[in-house]
Amino acid sequence: MSRSARVLLLAMMLTAFGLIAWSAEAPFSLTLNVTPTVVKPGAKIAVEVVLTNTSNKEIFVSRDAGFQAEMDYKIEVLDRDGKRPPETRYLRAVRGEDTGHPSMVVTGDYGNFPLKPGEATKDTTNLAELFDLSRPGEYVIHVGRIDPMSKATVKSNTVTVTVIVKDAGE
């Protein structure tokens, strides 16, 4: 058996026994916090995304210096039927999509920020500025971000927001 074949066989055996980890696990986790979780149509819904370095070494996170969550994360919102609510013109502009006339353009100031093991960074946004949540009902929210090394999408926990009917006197 050739030397390269022996090395390959040894690597496969060590991997099978768990002595070498060939993990595509992302070096970070995402936590989603949303307040309040019960709102009236049009109310502000504060979204906070916490990215935590879960690795044992420093990582660099590319992100918008303005710390706006919609610039760095894919924010997913689904109603009870699994349908996405209408997106606002602003969110379409963030993604560089056509916003009609007059055009709306949103720019960011990106940079790489270091995070030591265990450190976290927070981004915030107002969900009501991104999606039309004027219809009463339950909406399930989570965010995702692609790990540039593994190319895997890391997803946060999910949070349910309930939009209630306005009171008759409002």
N, C-alpha and C. Protein backbone atom coordinates (compact mmCIF):
# COMPACT_ATOMS: atom_id res chain seq x y z
N MET A 1 0.85 -1.17 0.00
CA MET A 1 0.00 0.00 0.00
C MET A 1 0.90 1.23 0.00
N SER A 2 0.55 2.22 -0.82
CA SER A 2 1.36 3.43 -0.92
C SER A 2 1.21 4.28 0.34
N ARG A 3 2.15 5.17 0.52
CA ARG A 3 2.14 6.04 1.71
C ARG A 3 0.88 6.91 1.74
N SER A 4 0.48 7.49 0.61
CA SER A 4 -0.71 8.36 0.58
C SER A 4 -1.98 7.56 0.86
N ALA A 5 -2.02 6.31 0.41
CA ALA A 5 -3.19 5.47 0.69
C ALA A 5 -3.26 5.14 2.17
N ARG A 6 -2.10 4.89 2.82
CA ARG A 6 -2.08 4.60 4.26
C ARG A 6 -2.53 5.82 5.06
N VAL A 7 -2.06 7.02 4.67
CA VAL A 7 -2.46 8.25 5.36
C VAL A 7 -3.96 8.46 5.24
N LEU A 8 -4.49 8.24 4.04
CA LEU A 8 -5.92 8.39 3.83
C LEU A 8 -6.71 7.39 4.67
N LEU A 9 -6.27 6.14 4.69
CA LEU A 9 -6.92 5.10 5.47
C LEU A 9 -6.88 5.45 6.97
N LEU A 10 -5.75 5.93 7.46
CA LEU A 10 -5.62 6.32 8.86
C LEU A 10 -6.57 7.47 9.19
N ALA A 11 -6.63 8.47 8.31
CA ALA A 11 -7.54 9.61 8.53
C ALA A 11 -8.99 9.15 8.58
N MET A 12 -9.36 8.21 7.69
CA MET A 12 -10.74 7.71 7.69
C MET A 12 -11.04 6.93 8.97
N MET A 13 -10.07 6.14 9.44
CA MET A 13 -10.28 5.38 10.67
C MET A 13 -10.39 6.30 11.88
N LEU A 14 -9.53 7.32 11.96
CA LEU A 14 -9.60 8.25 13.08
C LEU A 14 -10.90 9.03 13.07
N THR A 15 -11.36 9.40 11.89
CA THR A 15 -12.63 10.10 11.78
C THR A 15 -13.77 9.20 12.24
N ALA A 16 -13.75 7.95 11.83
CA ALA A 16 -14.80 7.00 12.22
C ALA A 16 -14.84 6.81 13.73
N PHE A 17 -13.69 6.86 14.38
CA PHE A 17 -13.65 6.70 15.83
C PHE A 17 -13.83 8.02 16.57
N GLY A 18 -14.07 9.11 15.83
CA GLY A 18 -14.31 10.40 16.46
C GLY A 18 -13.08 11.10 16.98
N LEU A 19 -11.90 10.67 16.57
CA LEU A 19 -10.68 11.29 17.05
C LEU A 19 -10.31 12.53 16.26
N ILE A 20 -10.85 12.65 15.07
CA ILE A 20 -10.67 13.86 14.27
C ILE A 20 -12.07 14.36 13.93
N ALA A 21 -12.31 15.59 14.20
CA ALA A 21 -13.64 16.15 13.91
C ALA A 21 -13.57 16.95 12.61
N TRP A 22 -14.32 16.53 11.65
CA TRP A 22 -14.43 17.26 10.39
C TRP A 22 -15.77 17.98 10.44
N SER A 23 -15.85 19.00 11.24
CA SER A 23 -17.12 19.67 11.50
C SER A 23 -17.29 20.89 10.62
N ALA A 24 -18.49 21.03 10.09
CA ALA A 24 -18.84 22.21 9.33
C ALA A 24 -19.67 23.15 10.20
N GLU A 25 -19.60 22.94 11.51
CA GLU A 25 -20.38 23.75 12.43
C GLU A 25 -19.89 25.19 12.42
N ALA A 26 -20.83 26.10 12.41
CA ALA A 26 -20.50 27.52 12.39
C ALA A 26 -19.90 27.94 13.73
N PRO A 27 -19.02 28.94 13.71
CA PRO A 27 -18.38 29.38 14.95
C PRO A 27 -19.21 30.38 15.74
N PHE A 28 -20.50 30.52 15.40
CA PHE A 28 -21.34 31.47 16.11
C PHE A 28 -22.76 30.93 16.23
N SER A 29 -23.48 31.51 17.18
CA SER A 29 -24.91 31.20 17.34
C SER A 29 -25.69 32.51 17.27
N LEU A 30 -26.98 32.40 17.00
CA LEU A 30 -27.85 33.56 16.93
C LEU A 30 -29.00 33.40 17.92
N THR A 31 -29.28 34.47 18.66
CA THR A 31 -30.41 34.49 19.58
C THR A 31 -31.28 35.69 19.22
N LEU A 32 -32.58 35.44 19.12
CA LEU A 32 -33.54 36.47 18.76
C LEU A 32 -34.37 36.84 19.98
N ASN A 33 -34.44 38.14 20.26
CA ASN A 33 -35.30 38.67 21.33
C ASN A 33 -36.26 39.67 20.70
N VAL A 34 -37.54 39.54 21.00
CA VAL A 34 -38.55 40.42 20.42
C VAL A 34 -39.43 40.94 21.55
N THR A 35 -39.63 42.28 21.58
CA THR A 35 -40.54 42.88 22.57
C THR A 35 -41.29 44.04 21.93
N PRO A 36 -42.55 44.17 22.25
CA PRO A 36 -43.39 43.22 22.95
C PRO A 36 -43.80 42.09 22.01
N THR A 37 -44.41 41.04 22.55
CA THR A 37 -44.84 39.93 21.70
C THR A 37 -46.35 39.97 21.43
N VAL A 38 -47.05 40.91 22.07
CA VAL A 38 -48.46 41.16 21.77
C VAL A 38 -48.58 42.64 21.48
N VAL A 39 -49.04 42.96 20.25
CA VAL A 39 -49.09 44.36 19.81
C VAL A 39 -50.38 44.65 19.05
N LYS A 40 -50.68 45.93 18.94
CA LYS A 40 -51.77 46.38 18.08
C LYS A 40 -51.18 46.70 16.70
N PRO A 41 -51.98 46.67 15.65
CA PRO A 41 -51.46 46.96 14.31
C PRO A 41 -50.73 48.30 14.27
N GLY A 42 -49.58 48.30 13.63
CA GLY A 42 -48.79 49.52 13.47
C GLY A 42 -47.85 49.82 14.61
N ALA A 43 -47.93 49.08 15.71
CA ALA A 43 -47.06 49.34 16.87
C ALA A 43 -45.62 48.92 16.58
N LYS A 44 -44.70 49.58 17.26
CA LYS A 44 -43.29 49.23 17.14
C LYS A 44 -43.07 47.85 17.74
N ILE A 45 -42.27 47.04 17.04
CA ILE A 45 -41.89 45.71 17.53
C ILE A 45 -40.36 45.67 17.51
N ALA A 46 -39.77 45.78 18.69
CA ALA A 46 -38.32 45.83 18.81
C ALA A 46 -37.72 44.43 18.65
N VAL A 47 -36.81 44.31 17.70
CA VAL A 47 -36.13 43.05 17.44
C VAL A 47 -34.66 43.24 17.76
N GLU A 48 -34.13 42.32 18.56
CA GLU A 48 -32.71 42.33 18.90
C GLU A 48 -32.13 40.98 18.48
N VAL A 49 -31.05 41.02 17.70
CA VAL A 49 -30.35 39.80 17.28
C VAL A 49 -28.99 39.81 17.98
N VAL A 50 -28.71 38.72 18.70
CA VAL A 50 -27.44 38.57 19.40
C VAL A 50 -26.63 37.49 18.70
N LEU A 51 -25.46 37.86 18.18
CA LEU A 51 -24.54 36.91 17.57
C LEU A 51 -23.43 36.65 18.58
N THR A 52 -23.25 35.38 18.97
CA THR A 52 -22.26 35.00 19.97
C THR A 52 -21.20 34.11 19.35
N ASN A 53 -19.93 34.44 19.61
CA ASN A 53 -18.82 33.60 19.16
C ASN A 53 -18.80 32.35 20.02
N THR A 54 -19.13 31.21 19.44
CA THR A 54 -19.16 29.94 20.18
C THR A 54 -17.90 29.11 19.94
N SER A 55 -16.94 29.68 19.23
CA SER A 55 -15.71 28.95 18.95
C SER A 55 -14.68 29.21 20.07
N ASN A 56 -13.54 28.58 19.94
CA ASN A 56 -12.47 28.79 20.93
C ASN A 56 -11.39 29.73 20.42
N LYS A 57 -11.70 30.47 19.35
CA LYS A 57 -10.75 31.46 18.84
C LYS A 57 -11.50 32.70 18.34
N GLU A 58 -10.74 33.77 18.17
CA GLU A 58 -11.33 35.02 17.70
C GLU A 58 -11.87 34.83 16.29
N ILE A 59 -13.04 35.41 16.05
CA ILE A 59 -13.61 35.41 14.71
C ILE A 59 -13.85 36.85 14.30
N PHE A 60 -14.00 37.06 13.01
CA PHE A 60 -14.33 38.39 12.50
C PHE A 60 -15.70 38.33 11.86
N VAL A 61 -16.53 39.28 12.25
CA VAL A 61 -17.90 39.32 11.78
C VAL A 61 -18.05 40.54 10.88
N SER A 62 -18.44 40.30 9.64
CA SER A 62 -18.71 41.39 8.71
C SER A 62 -20.11 41.90 9.00
N ARG A 63 -20.21 43.19 9.27
CA ARG A 63 -21.53 43.73 9.59
C ARG A 63 -21.59 45.22 9.35
N ASP A 64 -22.80 45.73 9.33
CA ASP A 64 -23.04 47.15 9.13
C ASP A 64 -22.67 47.90 10.41
N ALA A 65 -21.92 48.96 10.26
CA ALA A 65 -21.48 49.73 11.43
C ALA A 65 -22.65 50.45 12.12
N GLY A 66 -23.78 50.57 11.42
CA GLY A 66 -24.97 51.18 12.03
C GLY A 66 -25.75 50.21 12.89
N PHE A 67 -25.35 48.95 12.89
CA PHE A 67 -25.95 47.91 13.72
C PHE A 67 -27.44 47.72 13.45
N GLN A 68 -27.84 47.81 12.20
CA GLN A 68 -29.22 47.56 11.81
C GLN A 68 -29.34 46.10 11.41
N ALA A 69 -30.18 45.34 12.11
CA ALA A 69 -30.30 43.90 11.88
C ALA A 69 -30.69 43.56 10.45
N GLU A 70 -31.52 44.38 9.82
CA GLU A 70 -31.97 44.06 8.47
C GLU A 70 -30.83 44.11 7.44
N MET A 71 -29.72 44.75 7.80
CA MET A 71 -28.58 44.84 6.90
C MET A 71 -27.73 43.57 6.94
N ASP A 72 -27.76 42.83 8.04
CA ASP A 72 -26.84 41.71 8.24
C ASP A 72 -27.50 40.34 8.37
N TYR A 73 -28.80 40.29 8.50
CA TYR A 73 -29.49 39.03 8.73
C TYR A 73 -30.68 38.91 7.80
N LYS A 74 -31.01 37.68 7.46
CA LYS A 74 -32.24 37.44 6.71
C LYS A 74 -33.34 37.25 7.76
N ILE A 75 -34.28 38.14 7.78
CA ILE A 75 -35.36 38.11 8.76
C ILE A 75 -36.57 37.44 8.10
N GLU A 76 -36.99 36.34 8.70
CA GLU A 76 -38.12 35.57 8.17
C GLU A 76 -39.33 35.77 9.06
N VAL A 77 -40.46 36.10 8.45
CA VAL A 77 -41.72 36.27 9.16
C VAL A 77 -42.78 35.50 8.40
N LEU A 78 -43.51 34.64 9.10
CA LEU A 78 -44.59 33.87 8.50
C LEU A 78 -45.84 33.98 9.35
N ASP A 79 -47.00 34.06 8.69
CA ASP A 79 -48.25 34.08 9.44
C ASP A 79 -48.67 32.64 9.76
N ARG A 80 -49.81 32.48 10.38
CA ARG A 80 -50.28 31.16 10.79
C ARG A 80 -50.43 30.19 9.61
N ASP A 81 -50.71 30.73 8.42
CA ASP A 81 -50.87 29.89 7.23
C ASP A 81 -49.55 29.64 6.51
N GLY A 82 -48.45 30.11 7.08
CA GLY A 82 -47.14 29.91 6.45
C GLY A 82 -46.84 30.90 5.34
N LYS A 83 -47.59 31.99 5.28
CA LYS A 83 -47.38 33.00 4.24
C LYS A 83 -46.60 34.18 4.81
N ARG A 84 -45.77 34.75 3.96
CA ARG A 84 -45.01 35.94 4.35
C ARG A 84 -45.91 37.16 4.26
N PRO A 85 -45.90 38.03 5.26
CA PRO A 85 -46.66 39.28 5.14
C PRO A 85 -45.97 40.18 4.12
N PRO A 86 -46.69 41.16 3.60
CA PRO A 86 -46.07 42.07 2.62
C PRO A 86 -44.85 42.77 3.22
N GLU A 87 -43.81 42.89 2.41
CA GLU A 87 -42.60 43.60 2.82
C GLU A 87 -42.77 45.08 2.54
N THR A 88 -42.14 45.89 3.36
CA THR A 88 -42.21 47.33 3.14
C THR A 88 -41.26 47.74 2.01
N ARG A 89 -41.49 48.91 1.53
CA ARG A 89 -40.62 49.48 0.50
C ARG A 89 -39.18 49.60 1.02
N TYR A 90 -39.06 49.95 2.28
CA TYR A 90 -37.74 50.08 2.90
C TYR A 90 -36.98 48.75 2.87
N LEU A 91 -37.63 47.64 3.26
CA LEU A 91 -36.95 46.35 3.25
C LEU A 91 -36.53 45.96 1.84
N ARG A 92 -37.38 46.23 0.86
CA ARG A 92 -36.99 45.93 -0.53
C ARG A 92 -35.78 46.76 -0.93
N ALA A 93 -35.71 48.00 -0.47
CA ALA A 93 -34.56 48.85 -0.78
C ALA A 93 -33.29 48.34 -0.10
N VAL A 94 -33.42 47.83 1.12
CA VAL A 94 -32.26 47.27 1.83
C VAL A 94 -31.63 46.16 1.01
N ARG A 95 -32.48 45.34 0.37
CA ARG A 95 -31.98 44.23 -0.44
C ARG A 95 -31.59 44.65 -1.85
N GLY A 96 -31.73 45.92 -2.16
CA GLY A 96 -31.34 46.41 -3.47
C GLY A 96 -32.36 46.13 -4.56
N GLU A 97 -33.61 45.85 -4.17
CA GLU A 97 -34.66 45.57 -5.14
C GLU A 97 -35.31 46.86 -5.63
N ASP A 98 -36.03 46.75 -6.73
CA ASP A 98 -36.74 47.90 -7.29
C ASP A 98 -37.83 48.34 -6.32
N THR A 99 -37.86 49.62 -6.00
CA THR A 99 -38.87 50.14 -5.07
C THR A 99 -39.86 51.05 -5.78
N GLY A 100 -39.83 51.06 -7.10
CA GLY A 100 -40.74 51.90 -7.85
C GLY A 100 -40.23 53.34 -7.90
N HIS A 101 -41.12 54.22 -8.34
CA HIS A 101 -40.72 55.62 -8.50
C HIS A 101 -41.36 56.45 -7.39
N PRO A 102 -40.70 57.32 -6.73
CA PRO A 102 -39.26 57.56 -6.86
C PRO A 102 -38.47 56.44 -6.18
N SER A 103 -37.30 56.18 -6.70
CA SER A 103 -36.47 55.11 -6.17
C SER A 103 -36.04 55.40 -4.75
N MET A 104 -35.91 54.33 -3.98
CA MET A 104 -35.39 54.43 -2.62
C MET A 104 -34.12 53.59 -2.58
N VAL A 105 -33.05 54.18 -2.08
CA VAL A 105 -31.78 53.48 -1.99
C VAL A 105 -31.32 53.52 -0.54
N VAL A 106 -30.89 52.37 -0.03
CA VAL A 106 -30.37 52.28 1.33
C VAL A 106 -28.93 51.80 1.24
N THR A 107 -28.04 52.50 1.90
CA THR A 107 -26.64 52.09 1.90
C THR A 107 -26.19 51.78 3.32
N GLY A 108 -25.12 51.04 3.41
CA GLY A 108 -24.59 50.70 4.72
C GLY A 108 -23.12 51.00 4.79
N ASP A 109 -22.57 50.92 5.97
CA ASP A 109 -21.15 51.15 6.21
C ASP A 109 -20.61 49.88 6.84
N TYR A 110 -20.10 48.97 6.00
CA TYR A 110 -19.69 47.65 6.47
C TYR A 110 -18.23 47.62 6.89
N GLY A 111 -17.97 46.72 7.82
CA GLY A 111 -16.61 46.49 8.27
C GLY A 111 -16.54 45.13 8.93
N ASN A 112 -15.33 44.69 9.23
CA ASN A 112 -15.12 43.43 9.95
C ASN A 112 -14.82 43.75 11.40
N PHE A 113 -15.58 43.15 12.29
CA PHE A 113 -15.44 43.39 13.71
C PHE A 113 -14.98 42.11 14.40
N PRO A 114 -13.92 42.18 15.23
CA PRO A 114 -13.45 40.98 15.90
C PRO A 114 -14.33 40.63 17.11
N LEU A 115 -14.52 39.33 17.33
CA LEU A 115 -15.23 38.83 18.51
C LEU A 115 -14.37 37.73 19.12
N LYS A 116 -14.01 37.90 20.38
CA LYS A 116 -13.25 36.88 21.11
C LYS A 116 -14.19 35.75 21.50
N PRO A 117 -13.65 34.57 21.82
CA PRO A 117 -14.50 33.46 22.26
C PRO A 117 -15.44 33.88 23.38
N GLY A 118 -16.71 33.57 23.21
CA GLY A 118 -17.72 33.91 24.22
C GLY A 118 -18.30 35.31 24.09
N GLU A 119 -17.66 36.19 23.33
CA GLU A 119 -18.18 37.55 23.17
C GLU A 119 -19.39 37.55 22.24
N ALA A 120 -20.21 38.59 22.41
CA ALA A 120 -21.42 38.71 21.61
C ALA A 120 -21.54 40.13 21.08
N THR A 121 -22.30 40.27 20.01
CA THR A 121 -22.61 41.57 19.44
C THR A 121 -24.11 41.62 19.18
N LYS A 122 -24.70 42.80 19.29
CA LYS A 122 -26.14 42.95 19.15
C LYS A 122 -26.49 43.89 18.01
N ASP A 123 -27.52 43.53 17.28
CA ASP A 123 -28.10 44.39 16.25
C ASP A 123 -29.59 44.51 16.55
N THR A 124 -30.17 45.64 16.19
CA THR A 124 -31.59 45.86 16.47
C THR A 124 -32.30 46.38 15.24
N THR A 125 -33.62 46.26 15.26
CA THR A 125 -34.46 46.84 14.22
C THR A 125 -35.89 46.90 14.73
N ASN A 126 -36.74 47.54 13.95
CA ASN A 126 -38.17 47.61 14.24
C ASN A 126 -38.87 46.78 13.17
N LEU A 127 -39.45 45.66 13.57
CA LEU A 127 -40.08 44.74 12.63
C LEU A 127 -41.20 45.42 11.83
N ALA A 128 -41.89 46.37 12.46
CA ALA A 128 -42.99 47.07 11.78
C ALA A 128 -42.49 47.94 10.63
N GLU A 129 -41.20 48.26 10.60
CA GLU A 129 -40.64 49.02 9.48
C GLU A 129 -40.24 48.11 8.31
N LEU A 130 -40.25 46.80 8.55
CA LEU A 130 -39.81 45.85 7.54
C LEU A 130 -40.96 45.09 6.89
N PHE A 131 -42.02 44.83 7.66
CA PHE A 131 -43.15 44.05 7.18
C PHE A 131 -44.46 44.73 7.55
N ASP A 132 -45.48 44.56 6.71
CA ASP A 132 -46.81 45.07 7.01
C ASP A 132 -47.49 44.06 7.92
N LEU A 133 -47.51 44.37 9.20
CA LEU A 133 -48.14 43.50 10.19
C LEU A 133 -49.44 44.11 10.70
N SER A 134 -50.20 44.71 9.78
CA SER A 134 -51.44 45.38 10.17
C SER A 134 -52.60 44.39 10.33
N ARG A 135 -52.48 43.19 9.80
CA ARG A 135 -53.55 42.20 9.93
C ARG A 135 -53.40 41.46 11.25
N PRO A 136 -54.47 41.39 12.05
CA PRO A 136 -54.40 40.63 13.30
C PRO A 136 -54.06 39.17 13.04
N GLY A 137 -53.33 38.59 13.97
CA GLY A 137 -52.96 37.18 13.86
C GLY A 137 -51.62 36.92 14.49
N GLU A 138 -51.18 35.67 14.40
CA GLU A 138 -49.90 35.27 14.94
C GLU A 138 -48.86 35.23 13.83
N TYR A 139 -47.67 35.72 14.14
CA TYR A 139 -46.56 35.73 13.20
C TYR A 139 -45.35 35.08 13.87
N VAL A 140 -44.74 34.14 13.17
CA VAL A 140 -43.56 33.45 13.68
C VAL A 140 -42.34 34.09 13.02
N ILE A 141 -41.35 34.44 13.85
CA ILE A 141 -40.17 35.18 13.38
C ILE A 141 -38.91 34.42 13.76
N HIS A 142 -37.97 34.38 12.84
CA HIS A 142 -36.60 33.95 13.14
C HIS A 142 -35.67 34.66 12.18
N VAL A 143 -34.40 34.65 12.50
CA VAL A 143 -33.40 35.26 11.61
C VAL A 143 -32.36 34.23 11.26
N GLY A 144 -31.68 34.48 10.16
CA GLY A 144 -30.62 33.59 9.72
C GLY A 144 -29.44 34.38 9.18
N ARG A 145 -28.30 33.73 9.16
CA ARG A 145 -27.08 34.34 8.62
C ARG A 145 -26.20 33.22 8.09
N ILE A 146 -25.59 33.45 6.96
CA ILE A 146 -24.71 32.44 6.37
C ILE A 146 -23.32 32.56 6.98
N ASP A 147 -22.79 31.41 7.41
CA ASP A 147 -21.41 31.36 7.90
C ASP A 147 -20.52 31.34 6.66
N PRO A 148 -19.63 32.33 6.50
CA PRO A 148 -18.82 32.39 5.29
C PRO A 148 -17.85 31.22 5.13
N MET A 149 -17.47 30.57 6.21
CA MET A 149 -16.52 29.46 6.12
C MET A 149 -17.21 28.16 5.69
N SER A 150 -18.27 27.78 6.39
CA SER A 150 -18.93 26.51 6.10
C SER A 150 -20.02 26.65 5.04
N LYS A 151 -20.44 27.88 4.77
CA LYS A 151 -21.54 28.19 3.85
C LYS A 151 -22.89 27.70 4.37
N ALA A 152 -22.93 27.26 5.62
CA ALA A 152 -24.18 26.82 6.24
C ALA A 152 -24.94 28.03 6.75
N THR A 153 -26.27 27.95 6.73
CA THR A 153 -27.10 29.01 7.29
C THR A 153 -27.35 28.71 8.76
N VAL A 154 -26.98 29.65 9.60
CA VAL A 154 -27.23 29.54 11.04
C VAL A 154 -28.54 30.25 11.31
N LYS A 155 -29.45 29.57 12.01
CA LYS A 155 -30.75 30.16 12.32
C LYS A 155 -30.89 30.39 13.82
N SER A 156 -31.65 31.40 14.14
CA SER A 156 -31.93 31.73 15.54
C SER A 156 -33.10 30.90 16.05
N ASN A 157 -33.41 31.11 17.31
CA ASN A 157 -34.64 30.60 17.88
C ASN A 157 -35.82 31.31 17.19
N THR A 158 -37.01 30.78 17.37
CA THR A 158 -38.19 31.43 16.81
C THR A 158 -38.96 32.13 17.93
N VAL A 159 -39.61 33.22 17.57
CA VAL A 159 -40.43 33.98 18.50
C VAL A 159 -41.77 34.24 17.82
N THR A 160 -42.85 34.11 18.56
CA THR A 160 -44.18 34.38 18.02
C THR A 160 -44.66 35.74 18.51
N VAL A 161 -45.11 36.54 17.56
CA VAL A 161 -45.70 37.85 17.87
C VAL A 161 -47.17 37.78 17.49
N THR A 162 -48.03 38.27 18.38
CA THR A 162 -49.46 38.28 18.13
C THR A 162 -49.91 39.72 17.92
N VAL A 163 -50.53 39.97 16.77
CA VAL A 163 -51.11 41.28 16.48
C VAL A 163 -52.59 41.17 16.80
N ILE A 164 -53.05 41.99 17.74
CA ILE A 164 -54.44 41.92 18.20
C ILE A 164 -55.27 43.02 17.54
N VAL A 165 -56.58 42.83 17.58
CA VAL A 165 -57.50 43.81 17.01
C VAL A 165 -57.47 45.06 17.89
N LYS A 166 -57.53 46.21 17.23
CA LYS A 166 -57.59 47.47 17.99
C LYS A 166 -58.87 47.52 18.79
N ASP A 167 -58.83 48.21 19.92
CA ASP A 167 -60.04 48.41 20.73
C ASP A 167 -61.03 49.27 19.94
N ALA A 168 -62.31 49.11 20.24
CA ALA A 168 -63.35 49.85 19.53
C ALA A 168 -63.20 51.36 19.67
N GLY A 169 -62.66 51.84 20.77
CA GLY A 169 -62.50 53.26 21.00
C GLY A 169 -61.28 53.87 20.33
N GLU A 170 -60.50 53.08 19.61
CA GLU A 170 -59.27 53.62 19.00
C GLU A 170 -59.46 53.92 17.55
